Structures are given as structure tokens and as C-alpha cells.
Protein backbone atom coordinates (compact mmCIF):
# COMPACT_ATOMS: atom_id res chain seq x y z
CA MET A 1 -91.06 -68.98 178.24
CA GLU A 2 -88.13 -70.77 176.61
CA THR A 3 -88.01 -68.16 173.82
CA THR A 4 -87.89 -65.35 176.41
CA LYS A 5 -85.00 -67.05 178.24
CA THR A 6 -83.15 -67.52 174.95
CA LYS A 7 -83.57 -63.86 174.06
CA THR A 8 -82.44 -62.78 177.52
CA PHE A 9 -79.32 -64.94 177.24
CA GLN A 10 -78.54 -63.55 173.78
CA GLU A 11 -79.05 -59.99 175.01
CA THR A 12 -76.71 -60.62 177.93
CA ILE A 13 -74.04 -61.90 175.56
CA ALA A 14 -74.51 -58.89 173.24
CA GLN A 15 -74.30 -56.38 176.10
CA ASN A 16 -71.08 -57.90 177.45
CA GLU A 17 -69.60 -58.90 174.10
CA THR A 18 -66.29 -57.03 174.46
CA LEU A 19 -65.59 -58.35 177.95
CA LEU A 20 -66.60 -61.92 177.11
CA THR A 21 -64.52 -61.93 173.93
CA LEU A 22 -61.46 -60.70 175.83
CA LEU A 23 -62.04 -63.36 178.48
CA VAL A 24 -62.17 -66.06 175.82
CA TYR A 25 -59.00 -64.84 174.09
CA PHE A 26 -57.00 -64.60 177.31
CA GLY A 27 -58.65 -67.58 178.96
CA SER A 28 -57.52 -69.78 176.10
CA TYR A 29 -53.94 -68.53 176.26
CA PRO A 30 -52.78 -70.81 179.14
CA ILE A 31 -54.07 -73.83 177.21
CA LEU A 32 -52.36 -72.69 174.01
CA TYR A 33 -49.20 -71.96 175.98
CA PHE A 34 -49.27 -75.41 177.55
CA VAL A 35 -49.73 -77.13 174.18
CA ASN A 36 -46.76 -75.20 172.72
CA ILE A 37 -44.61 -76.02 175.74
CA MET A 38 -45.52 -79.70 175.32
CA LEU A 39 -44.57 -79.52 171.63
CA THR A 40 -41.32 -77.66 172.35
CA ARG A 41 -40.10 -79.99 175.09
CA THR A 42 -40.90 -83.01 172.94
CA LEU A 43 -39.43 -81.72 169.69
CA GLY A 44 -36.47 -79.70 171.01
CA PRO A 45 -35.38 -76.22 169.78
CA ALA A 46 -34.30 -77.26 166.27
CA ASN A 47 -37.34 -79.40 165.40
CA TYR A 48 -39.69 -76.91 167.04
CA GLY A 49 -38.11 -74.30 164.77
CA ASP A 50 -38.93 -76.48 161.72
CA PHE A 51 -42.50 -76.85 162.98
CA ALA A 52 -42.80 -73.07 163.52
CA VAL A 53 -41.45 -72.30 160.04
CA THR A 54 -44.02 -74.68 158.52
CA ARG A 55 -46.79 -72.93 160.44
CA SER A 56 -45.48 -69.55 159.22
CA VAL A 57 -45.43 -70.66 155.58
CA ALA A 58 -48.97 -72.08 155.81
CA THR A 59 -50.26 -68.91 157.52
CA LEU A 60 -48.77 -66.64 154.88
CA ALA A 61 -50.23 -68.78 152.08
CA ALA A 62 -53.65 -68.79 153.79
CA MET A 63 -53.58 -64.98 154.09
CA ILE A 64 -53.12 -64.77 150.30
CA ALA A 65 -55.94 -67.27 149.72
CA LEU A 66 -58.30 -65.30 151.98
CA LEU A 67 -57.98 -62.27 149.66
CA GLY A 68 -58.80 -59.99 152.63
CA LEU A 69 -62.40 -61.28 152.59
CA HIS A 70 -62.24 -62.44 156.21
CA ILE A 71 -61.83 -58.80 157.31
CA THR A 72 -64.26 -57.48 154.67
CA SER A 73 -66.91 -59.81 156.15
CA LEU A 74 -66.67 -57.97 159.48
CA ASP A 75 -67.42 -54.72 157.62
CA MET A 76 -69.91 -55.68 154.88
CA VAL A 77 -72.14 -58.35 156.47
CA PRO A 78 -73.18 -56.21 159.51
CA VAL A 79 -73.88 -53.23 157.24
CA TYR A 80 -76.09 -55.27 154.88
CA ARG A 81 -77.95 -56.75 157.86
CA LYS A 82 -78.35 -53.25 159.36
CA ARG A 83 -79.92 -52.09 156.08
CA GLY A 84 -82.22 -55.12 156.03
CA ASP A 85 -80.78 -56.34 152.73
CA PRO A 86 -80.54 -60.18 152.93
CA ASN A 87 -80.23 -60.46 149.13
CA MET A 88 -76.94 -58.55 149.06
CA ALA A 89 -75.70 -60.36 152.17
CA ARG A 90 -76.49 -63.73 150.57
CA GLY A 91 -74.61 -62.74 147.41
CA PHE A 92 -71.58 -61.61 149.41
CA ILE A 93 -71.47 -64.84 151.45
CA LEU A 94 -71.70 -67.06 148.36
CA ALA A 95 -69.17 -65.06 146.34
CA SER A 96 -66.69 -64.78 149.20
CA LEU A 97 -66.80 -68.46 150.12
CA LEU A 98 -66.33 -69.48 146.48
CA ALA A 99 -63.47 -67.00 146.04
CA VAL A 100 -61.66 -68.20 149.20
CA ALA A 101 -62.06 -71.88 148.27
CA ALA A 102 -60.84 -71.31 144.70
CA ALA A 103 -57.93 -69.11 145.80
CA GLY A 104 -56.97 -71.68 148.45
CA LEU A 105 -56.75 -74.44 145.84
CA VAL A 106 -54.69 -72.25 143.50
CA VAL A 107 -52.31 -71.03 146.21
CA SER A 108 -51.82 -74.49 147.67
CA GLY A 109 -51.17 -75.93 144.19
CA ILE A 110 -48.60 -73.27 143.31
CA GLY A 111 -47.02 -73.56 146.75
CA PHE A 112 -46.73 -77.33 146.42
CA VAL A 113 -44.90 -77.02 143.12
CA ILE A 114 -42.54 -74.35 144.50
CA THR A 115 -41.88 -76.41 147.64
CA GLU A 116 -41.07 -79.52 145.65
CA LEU A 117 -38.70 -77.62 143.37
CA ALA A 118 -36.96 -76.04 146.35
CA ARG A 119 -36.68 -79.37 148.11
CA SER A 120 -35.19 -81.13 145.12
CA ARG A 121 -32.65 -78.37 144.47
CA LEU A 122 -31.80 -76.89 147.86
CA MET A 123 -32.82 -79.13 150.75
CA SER A 124 -30.53 -81.95 151.74
CA GLU A 125 -33.18 -83.56 153.99
CA ASP A 126 -36.94 -83.70 154.34
CA HIS A 127 -38.57 -80.68 156.00
CA PRO A 128 -42.18 -80.48 157.32
CA VAL A 129 -42.78 -77.40 155.16
CA MET A 130 -43.31 -79.96 152.38
CA ILE A 131 -46.81 -80.60 153.72
CA ALA A 132 -47.64 -76.99 154.63
CA MET A 133 -49.74 -76.52 151.49
CA ILE A 134 -52.21 -79.17 152.67
CA TRP A 135 -52.94 -76.79 155.52
CA VAL A 136 -53.90 -73.82 153.31
CA VAL A 137 -57.43 -74.74 152.19
CA PRO A 138 -58.86 -75.77 155.60
CA MET A 139 -57.11 -72.85 157.29
CA SER A 140 -58.35 -70.21 154.85
CA ILE A 141 -61.94 -71.54 154.75
CA GLY A 142 -61.94 -71.93 158.53
CA ILE A 143 -60.74 -68.37 159.17
CA HIS A 144 -63.28 -66.96 156.73
CA ALA A 145 -66.09 -69.00 158.26
CA LEU A 146 -65.18 -67.59 161.70
CA SER A 147 -65.42 -64.05 160.29
CA LEU A 148 -68.82 -64.77 158.69
CA LEU A 149 -70.05 -66.09 162.01
CA ALA A 150 -68.80 -62.96 163.79
CA GLY A 151 -70.43 -60.78 161.12
CA HIS A 152 -73.79 -62.28 162.07
CA GLN A 153 -73.52 -60.91 165.63
CA GLN A 154 -71.96 -64.12 166.89
CA VAL A 155 -68.65 -62.56 167.89
CA PHE A 156 -68.46 -64.37 171.23
CA LEU A 157 -69.20 -67.78 169.66
CA SER A 158 -66.68 -67.10 166.90
CA ALA A 159 -63.99 -66.20 169.46
CA LEU A 160 -64.88 -69.23 171.58
CA LEU A 161 -64.43 -71.65 168.67
CA ASN A 162 -61.36 -69.88 167.29
CA ARG A 163 -59.37 -69.53 170.48
CA LEU A 164 -60.64 -72.26 172.78
CA GLY A 165 -62.10 -74.81 170.36
CA LEU A 166 -59.09 -75.07 168.05
CA THR A 167 -56.62 -75.17 170.97
CA LEU A 168 -58.55 -77.88 172.81
CA ILE A 169 -58.87 -80.03 169.69
CA THR A 170 -55.13 -79.70 169.05
CA GLY A 171 -54.28 -80.52 172.66
CA LEU A 172 -56.55 -83.57 172.63
CA LEU A 173 -54.98 -84.88 169.43
CA VAL A 174 -51.48 -84.47 170.85
CA GLY A 175 -52.64 -86.19 174.04
CA VAL A 176 -53.96 -89.15 172.02
CA VAL A 177 -50.52 -89.57 170.43
CA PHE A 178 -48.84 -89.65 173.85
CA LEU A 179 -51.55 -91.94 175.27
CA PHE A 180 -50.89 -94.60 172.66
CA GLY A 181 -47.13 -94.31 173.05
CA GLY A 182 -46.51 -92.60 169.74
CA THR A 183 -43.44 -90.50 168.98
CA LEU A 184 -44.19 -86.87 168.20
CA THR A 185 -42.13 -85.58 165.30
CA ASP A 186 -42.17 -82.21 163.55
CA PHE A 187 -44.04 -83.83 160.65
CA LEU A 188 -46.66 -85.40 162.95
CA ALA A 189 -47.13 -82.12 164.85
CA VAL A 190 -47.97 -80.36 161.58
CA GLU A 191 -50.36 -83.15 160.58
CA LEU A 192 -52.17 -82.92 163.92
CA LEU A 193 -52.71 -79.17 163.50
CA ILE A 194 -54.06 -79.73 159.99
CA LEU A 195 -56.50 -82.32 161.33
CA ALA A 196 -57.57 -79.97 164.16
CA ARG A 197 -58.28 -77.19 161.65
CA ILE A 198 -60.34 -79.54 159.45
CA LEU A 199 -62.48 -80.68 162.42
CA LEU A 200 -63.11 -77.08 163.51
CA THR A 201 -64.01 -76.05 159.93
CA LEU A 202 -66.65 -78.80 159.79
CA ILE A 203 -68.24 -77.43 162.97
CA LEU A 204 -68.23 -73.90 161.51
CA VAL A 205 -69.83 -75.02 158.25
CA TRP A 206 -72.64 -76.62 160.26
CA LEU A 207 -73.24 -73.43 162.27
CA LEU A 208 -73.24 -71.26 159.14
CA TRP A 209 -75.71 -73.65 157.51
CA ILE A 210 -78.11 -73.07 160.44
CA ILE A 211 -77.81 -69.28 159.93
CA TRP A 212 -78.23 -69.68 156.18
CA ARG A 213 -81.49 -71.61 156.50
CA ARG A 214 -82.85 -69.06 158.96
CA GLU A 215 -81.89 -65.82 157.16
CA TYR A 216 -81.08 -66.48 153.49
CA ARG A 217 -83.03 -69.48 152.24
CA GLN A 218 -85.79 -67.26 150.83
CA ALA A 219 -83.43 -64.48 149.68
CA SER A 220 -82.35 -63.90 146.09
CA ALA A 221 -78.63 -63.36 145.78
CA LYS A 222 -77.41 -60.01 144.47
CA TYR A 223 -73.80 -59.16 143.69
CA GLU A 224 -71.73 -55.99 143.83
CA LEU A 225 -68.52 -57.58 142.65
CA LYS A 226 -66.76 -54.35 141.69
CA LEU A 227 -67.58 -52.73 145.03
CA TRP A 228 -66.47 -55.80 146.95
CA ALA A 229 -63.21 -55.97 145.00
CA ASP A 230 -62.51 -52.27 145.69
CA VAL A 231 -63.24 -52.72 149.40
CA THR A 232 -61.38 -56.00 149.75
CA TRP A 233 -57.95 -55.36 148.27
CA PRO A 234 -56.79 -52.96 151.01
CA PHE A 235 -57.90 -55.50 153.61
CA LEU A 236 -55.95 -58.18 151.71
CA LEU A 237 -52.87 -55.98 151.73
CA TYR A 238 -53.37 -55.22 155.42
CA ALA A 239 -53.74 -58.90 156.42
CA LEU A 240 -50.86 -59.99 154.22
CA VAL A 241 -48.47 -57.28 155.41
CA ILE A 242 -49.24 -57.78 159.11
CA THR A 243 -48.86 -61.55 158.78
CA ALA A 244 -45.71 -61.29 156.66
CA GLN A 245 -44.25 -58.78 159.08
CA ILE A 246 -44.74 -61.12 162.03
CA GLN A 247 -43.56 -64.23 160.16
CA SER A 248 -40.66 -62.68 158.19
CA GLY A 249 -38.25 -62.86 161.13
CA MET A 250 -38.87 -66.60 161.45
CA LEU A 251 -38.44 -67.31 157.75
CA ILE A 252 -35.34 -65.14 157.31
CA LEU A 253 -33.74 -66.75 160.36
CA GLU A 254 -34.45 -70.19 158.92
CA ALA A 255 -32.93 -69.25 155.56
CA HIS A 256 -29.90 -67.23 156.65
CA HIS A 257 -28.92 -67.96 160.27
CA SER A 258 -26.41 -70.70 160.94
CA SER A 259 -28.17 -72.09 164.04
CA GLU A 260 -31.37 -74.14 163.69
CA ALA A 261 -31.95 -73.75 167.43
CA GLU A 262 -32.06 -69.95 167.07
CA VAL A 263 -35.21 -70.32 164.96
CA GLY A 264 -36.84 -72.34 167.71
CA ILE A 265 -35.81 -69.78 170.36
CA TYR A 266 -37.34 -66.95 168.32
CA ALA A 267 -40.50 -69.02 167.86
CA ALA A 268 -40.74 -69.34 171.66
CA VAL A 269 -40.14 -65.61 172.06
CA GLN A 270 -42.98 -64.89 169.65
CA GLN A 271 -45.24 -67.31 171.50
CA VAL A 272 -44.66 -65.54 174.82
CA ALA A 273 -44.79 -62.02 173.32
CA TYR A 274 -48.04 -62.93 171.55
CA LEU A 275 -49.96 -62.42 174.81
CA PRO A 276 -50.98 -58.74 174.22
CA LEU A 277 -51.86 -59.40 170.58
CA LEU A 278 -54.74 -61.51 171.87
CA ALA A 279 -56.34 -58.24 172.94
CA LEU A 280 -55.90 -56.78 169.45
CA GLY A 281 -57.49 -59.85 167.86
CA ALA A 282 -60.43 -59.74 170.25
CA ILE A 283 -61.00 -55.97 170.04
CA SER A 284 -60.66 -55.90 166.24
CA THR A 285 -63.28 -58.62 165.91
CA VAL A 286 -65.68 -56.65 168.08
CA ALA A 287 -64.75 -53.12 166.96
CA ILE A 288 -64.80 -53.30 163.17
CA PRO A 289 -68.47 -54.35 162.83
CA ARG A 290 -69.59 -51.86 165.50
CA LEU A 291 -67.58 -48.89 164.21
CA SER A 292 -68.68 -49.59 160.63
CA VAL A 293 -72.34 -49.45 161.65
CA ILE A 294 -71.84 -46.30 163.79
CA LEU A 295 -70.15 -44.54 160.90
CA GLU A 296 -72.95 -45.67 158.60
CA ASP A 297 -75.41 -43.95 160.99
CA LYS A 298 -73.12 -40.86 161.24
CA LYS A 299 -73.11 -40.88 165.06
CA SER A 300 -69.87 -38.95 165.66
CA ALA A 301 -69.97 -38.63 169.43
CA GLU A 302 -70.80 -42.32 169.92
CA PHE A 303 -68.03 -43.23 167.49
CA GLU A 304 -65.39 -41.35 169.47
CA GLN A 305 -66.63 -42.79 172.74
CA GLN A 306 -66.51 -46.37 171.42
CA LEU A 307 -63.10 -45.89 169.81
CA GLY A 308 -61.67 -44.45 173.02
CA GLY A 309 -62.90 -47.42 175.01
CA TYR A 310 -61.30 -49.89 172.62
CA LEU A 311 -57.97 -48.02 172.57
CA ARG A 312 -57.79 -47.79 176.36
CA ILE A 313 -58.25 -51.54 176.60
CA LEU A 314 -55.51 -52.15 174.02
CA THR A 315 -53.08 -49.75 175.70
CA ALA A 316 -53.69 -51.29 179.13
CA PHE A 317 -53.01 -54.79 177.86
CA GLY A 318 -49.87 -53.68 176.01
CA VAL A 319 -48.34 -51.91 179.01
CA GLY A 320 -49.37 -54.68 181.41
CA SER A 321 -47.86 -57.38 179.20
CA LEU A 322 -44.57 -55.52 178.85
CA ILE A 323 -44.32 -55.28 182.65
CA ILE A 324 -44.99 -59.02 182.90
CA PHE A 325 -42.21 -59.71 180.39
CA MET A 326 -39.77 -57.56 182.35
CA VAL A 327 -40.55 -59.29 185.66
CA GLY A 328 -41.23 -62.86 184.58
CA GLY A 329 -39.78 -63.21 181.06
CA ASP A 330 -37.03 -65.61 182.16
CA PHE A 331 -39.57 -67.85 183.87
CA LEU A 332 -42.00 -67.84 180.93
CA LEU A 333 -39.26 -68.73 178.44
CA GLY A 334 -37.75 -71.26 180.84
CA LEU A 335 -40.94 -73.31 180.68
CA PHE A 336 -40.02 -74.18 177.10
CA GLY A 337 -36.62 -75.47 178.31
CA PRO A 338 -33.39 -73.99 179.72
CA ASP A 339 -32.00 -73.25 176.24
CA PHE A 340 -34.83 -70.80 175.56
CA GLN A 341 -33.94 -68.34 178.35
CA THR A 342 -31.41 -66.67 176.04
CA GLY A 343 -34.46 -65.07 174.39
CA TYR A 344 -35.14 -62.72 177.34
CA THR A 345 -33.77 -59.55 175.68
CA PRO A 346 -35.46 -60.25 172.32
CA LEU A 347 -38.69 -60.79 174.29
CA LEU A 348 -38.50 -57.30 175.84
CA ILE A 349 -37.75 -55.67 172.48
CA LEU A 350 -40.53 -57.56 170.69
CA GLY A 351 -42.90 -56.78 173.58
CA ALA A 352 -42.23 -53.06 173.06
CA GLY A 353 -43.01 -53.48 169.36
CA TYR A 354 -46.25 -55.25 170.14
CA LEU A 355 -47.22 -52.43 172.52
CA ILE A 356 -46.87 -49.98 169.63
CA ALA A 357 -48.83 -52.36 167.38
CA LEU A 358 -51.63 -52.47 169.96
CA VAL A 359 -51.94 -48.72 170.37
CA GLY A 360 -51.99 -48.25 166.58
CA GLY A 361 -53.89 -51.45 165.84
CA LEU A 362 -57.14 -49.78 164.70
CA VAL A 363 -55.53 -47.13 162.48
CA ILE A 364 -55.53 -49.15 159.25
CA PRO A 365 -59.07 -50.56 159.71
CA LEU A 366 -60.33 -47.00 160.28
CA LEU A 367 -58.52 -45.69 157.22
CA GLN A 368 -60.07 -48.50 155.22
CA ILE A 369 -63.58 -47.86 156.58
CA ARG A 370 -63.14 -44.19 155.59
CA GLN A 371 -62.00 -45.38 152.12
CA GLU A 372 -58.50 -43.87 152.35
CA ARG A 373 -57.21 -46.75 150.21
CA THR A 374 -54.19 -45.03 148.71
CA ILE A 375 -52.80 -44.23 152.16
CA VAL A 376 -53.52 -47.80 153.29
CA GLY A 377 -51.70 -49.31 150.33
CA LEU A 378 -48.63 -47.08 150.40
CA THR A 379 -48.03 -47.21 154.15
CA LEU A 380 -48.53 -50.96 154.34
CA LEU A 381 -46.10 -51.57 151.50
CA ALA A 382 -43.61 -49.25 153.21
CA LEU A 383 -44.04 -51.15 156.48
CA LEU A 384 -43.42 -54.51 154.85
CA ALA A 385 -40.41 -53.34 152.81
CA PHE A 386 -38.81 -51.56 155.77
CA ASN A 387 -39.34 -54.52 158.09
CA ILE A 388 -37.96 -57.10 155.65
CA ALA A 389 -34.94 -54.91 154.83
CA LEU A 390 -34.11 -54.44 158.50
CA THR A 391 -34.61 -58.15 159.20
CA TYR A 392 -32.27 -59.14 156.40
CA LEU A 393 -29.75 -56.66 157.78
CA LEU A 394 -29.96 -57.67 161.45
CA ALA A 395 -31.30 -61.23 161.79
CA PRO A 396 -28.50 -63.22 160.07
CA ARG A 397 -25.91 -61.60 162.36
CA TYR A 398 -27.79 -61.09 165.64
CA GLY A 399 -30.35 -63.91 165.44
CA ALA A 400 -33.53 -63.56 167.48
CA LEU A 401 -32.36 -60.20 168.85
CA GLY A 402 -31.97 -58.82 165.35
CA ALA A 403 -35.36 -60.10 164.18
CA ALA A 404 -37.12 -58.58 167.22
CA THR A 405 -35.33 -55.24 166.78
CA ALA A 406 -36.22 -55.07 163.08
CA TYR A 407 -39.91 -55.60 163.86
CA THR A 408 -40.04 -52.98 166.62
CA VAL A 409 -38.17 -50.26 164.71
CA ALA A 410 -40.29 -50.76 161.56
CA VAL A 411 -43.57 -50.65 163.55
CA ALA A 412 -42.54 -47.52 165.46
CA VAL A 413 -41.63 -45.55 162.33
CA VAL A 414 -44.48 -46.57 159.99
CA TYR A 415 -47.28 -46.59 162.60
CA THR A 416 -46.36 -43.03 163.54
CA VAL A 417 -46.77 -41.98 159.91
CA GLN A 418 -50.09 -43.86 159.59
CA LEU A 419 -51.46 -42.26 162.75
CA SER A 420 -50.54 -38.78 161.56
CA LEU A 421 -52.20 -39.38 158.17
CA LEU A 422 -55.37 -40.76 159.80
CA GLN A 423 -55.86 -37.72 161.99
CA ARG A 424 -55.01 -35.27 159.19
CA ARG A 425 -57.12 -36.83 156.43
CA THR A 426 -60.18 -37.99 158.38
CA GLY A 427 -60.31 -35.76 161.45
CA ILE A 428 -60.69 -38.83 163.70
CA PRO A 429 -59.14 -37.83 167.06
CA TYR A 430 -57.40 -41.17 167.51
CA LEU A 431 -54.98 -40.43 170.36
CA ARG A 432 -57.27 -37.87 172.00
CA SER A 433 -60.03 -40.46 172.29
CA ILE A 434 -57.77 -42.57 174.53
CA VAL A 435 -57.96 -39.98 177.31
CA GLY A 436 -61.73 -39.75 176.92
CA SER A 437 -62.17 -36.34 175.28
CA ASN A 438 -65.80 -35.27 174.99
CA THR A 439 -65.10 -33.32 171.82
CA ALA A 440 -67.16 -34.68 168.99
CA SER A 441 -65.30 -36.39 166.24
CA GLN A 442 -65.49 -35.09 162.74
CA ALA A 443 -65.74 -38.65 161.48
């Protein structure tokens, strides 16, 4: 009886996976928003800017350490399980975890040396970015563990731990500091986030160990290292470019703008504008494993139907969020403090860029699944170069407004090119699927 109830519960989760994942992503947003407001009001614009820059540096370094394997897991693990090949799945899990751990140690070591050299030569005072490299290993292993969990048809649990678990742990740690009368500094804020990530990673390792004992203890590991390397590098480029594109405005402002407070204002703008990107994170986690399996089975009509459903959800969230920013942007920014309301116009511009990013958010994963790796590589490099060039041109002079404009213009131009190439090279009716065309895809 208990087994039947467990199966029924798991089936219910699987049938409503997309809706539940979206609910988790958006349900966790108010908590995340509250934690960031608490940090901002305690630290002030300048120190919050230092904290945000440290987070950006650690995130970029972690993306390099992940080697794209966290996205590859969402593609490869479900396919191996669909084929009933636990030996290959076991080999991929072992190889990917070892690669991420080793790359994390190397990246953090190199980053530490670079940070120390920069501090001794350029920085006149201590900056929390000095401890960013401690963050890299737990962040990269934690993100990859979340992807492995999602690849084993535990998308909802993965989303729950990623969005709600990490935010709650962080909020509780900050609350403990306040409870005992401690003073929250930019350094301490970074240390608390590192501790929160370590605690979450320990929980993930325990969950993956349970799956390992159930599915792979009797399997014999097999390796397709060349195939995995070929599949992974475009995902690495994709993750690195998207992350660098989002974080470049923050880092360039920190390096070249005269006002420290402007960095904090742009960090708050990004925090508010991040709302629709929650939908992209949730949908990508659900969509990539499903679309990979459907393409593996060559079910063209089902593929187009699924793709259209995902894109309609993304478009709705993008448009809805932009309307919210127009109506309530001043209020949302004002929660961080009165100084942050000057970010209203940058918020609208960045919101428009995120709407474009949502509508085109599945283009690169689809190109990668269809093995159009040359197009993926060239367009992503073009996106990164164009965005950084525009940011260097606009951000030092116009501050947060310039950084937001650079992001939106770069996304609009390059995503249009990517979409055109996807439809021309693969025959996938990307935009047509949004309106629910019944025409079978050629995918």
C-alpha cells in the first residue's frame, strides 16, 4: 500500500513537473528578494556593490570550473537512462564529478593568485573579492550536483533545493548574525553565502549517494570521453557567455565608473529585473531533458507541441514582468532604499533585454542538441564580444543606464541572428510553435 502511494505521489509530481518547477522558482523569489533587501539596507549602496562584484567574480569562475558539464548532464543522463544503459551513465557521473572538482581547484588556485597580485598592486584597501575563490569549489560542485539530480527525473526536487533551500539557508544564517547582535559587513555577507552553499552541497551529495546505491552500485563504468568533450564544450561556451554577459556590466562599472554607489544601484536593478529569468531557469531545467529524449525518439509533432508550450510560458512571463516593472519599478527599487530609485529607467531597459532573452532562451540549447556546434560557438563569441564592447563604451559614462542598454542591444542583435540560423539549418519552426501551429516540425 505504501509503495502504491509513493508511486502515485511520484507520478503526480512528474505529470505536473513544469508547473511545480515554475511555482518553486517564483515562490522562492520573495524570500530571495527579502534577503537581498536586508543585505542592501544593512550594507548600503557602496558595500552592497562590493558584495555583488564578489558574487559576480565567483559565479564567473564557477562557470569556468563547471566546464559546461552541468548542462550536459541534463542532456546525457536522461538519454542514457532512456536507453537502459547504467554503465555509461555511471561513467559519465564519475568523470563529470571528478572533472568539475579538479577544474574548481585549478580555477580557484589561479584566481587566488591573480586576486592577490591585483590587490597588492592596484587596490588601496581590502575588498571582499579577495575571498571569492573560496566560493568556487562548493558553488561548482553544488550546481553540478543539482543538474545530476534533475537528470535523474528529480527536476522538482532539484529546483526546490536550488531556489528555496539555498535562499532559506542564507536567510537563516543572516538572521543568526542579527540575533546575536553581530555587525554585517560585505566580507561577512560573502562568508555566509559560502557557508550556505557548502551546507546545501552536503545535502545534495547525500541525495545523489542514495540514487547511486539504487541505480549504479552494480553497474560497470564505461566512458565516452571524446564524445562527452565534443558535446560539452559548446555548453561550456554557452554557460560562460551568458554568465559573463550578465555579470560584465557589474564588473566594468566597478573597474571604470567613478561612483561606488552606482555599482550597488545596478546590482539592485539586476536583482529586480531577474524576476522573468526565473522562468527561463525553470523551463530550461525541465525542457532540455524532455526535448533531448523526444528528439532521440524522432517524434516531430510532439517535439513542436512541447517546444511551443515552453515558449508561450517564457513569452508570457517576459511580457508580464516588463509590465510590472513599468507600473511598480519605483516601488520595487525603493524597497532597497531611496537612493536606488534612480535605477528605474535602467530597469525598464534591462527588462526589455530580458524579455528578448526569454523568447530566444531555448535557441542555443536546441542548436546544441542538433549538433550545430560551429553556429553555437561563433554566435556566442559574437554576443560576448559585442556586449563587452558596448558596455565599455557606455557604462563608464552613463553608469547603470549604459550597462543596461549595452546588454539589451547586444541581445536583440545576436539573438535575432541565432534564431534565423536555427530555423534555416534545422527546420525547427521556433517562432511558429509559439502560436501553436499544427504543422509537423522537420526536427
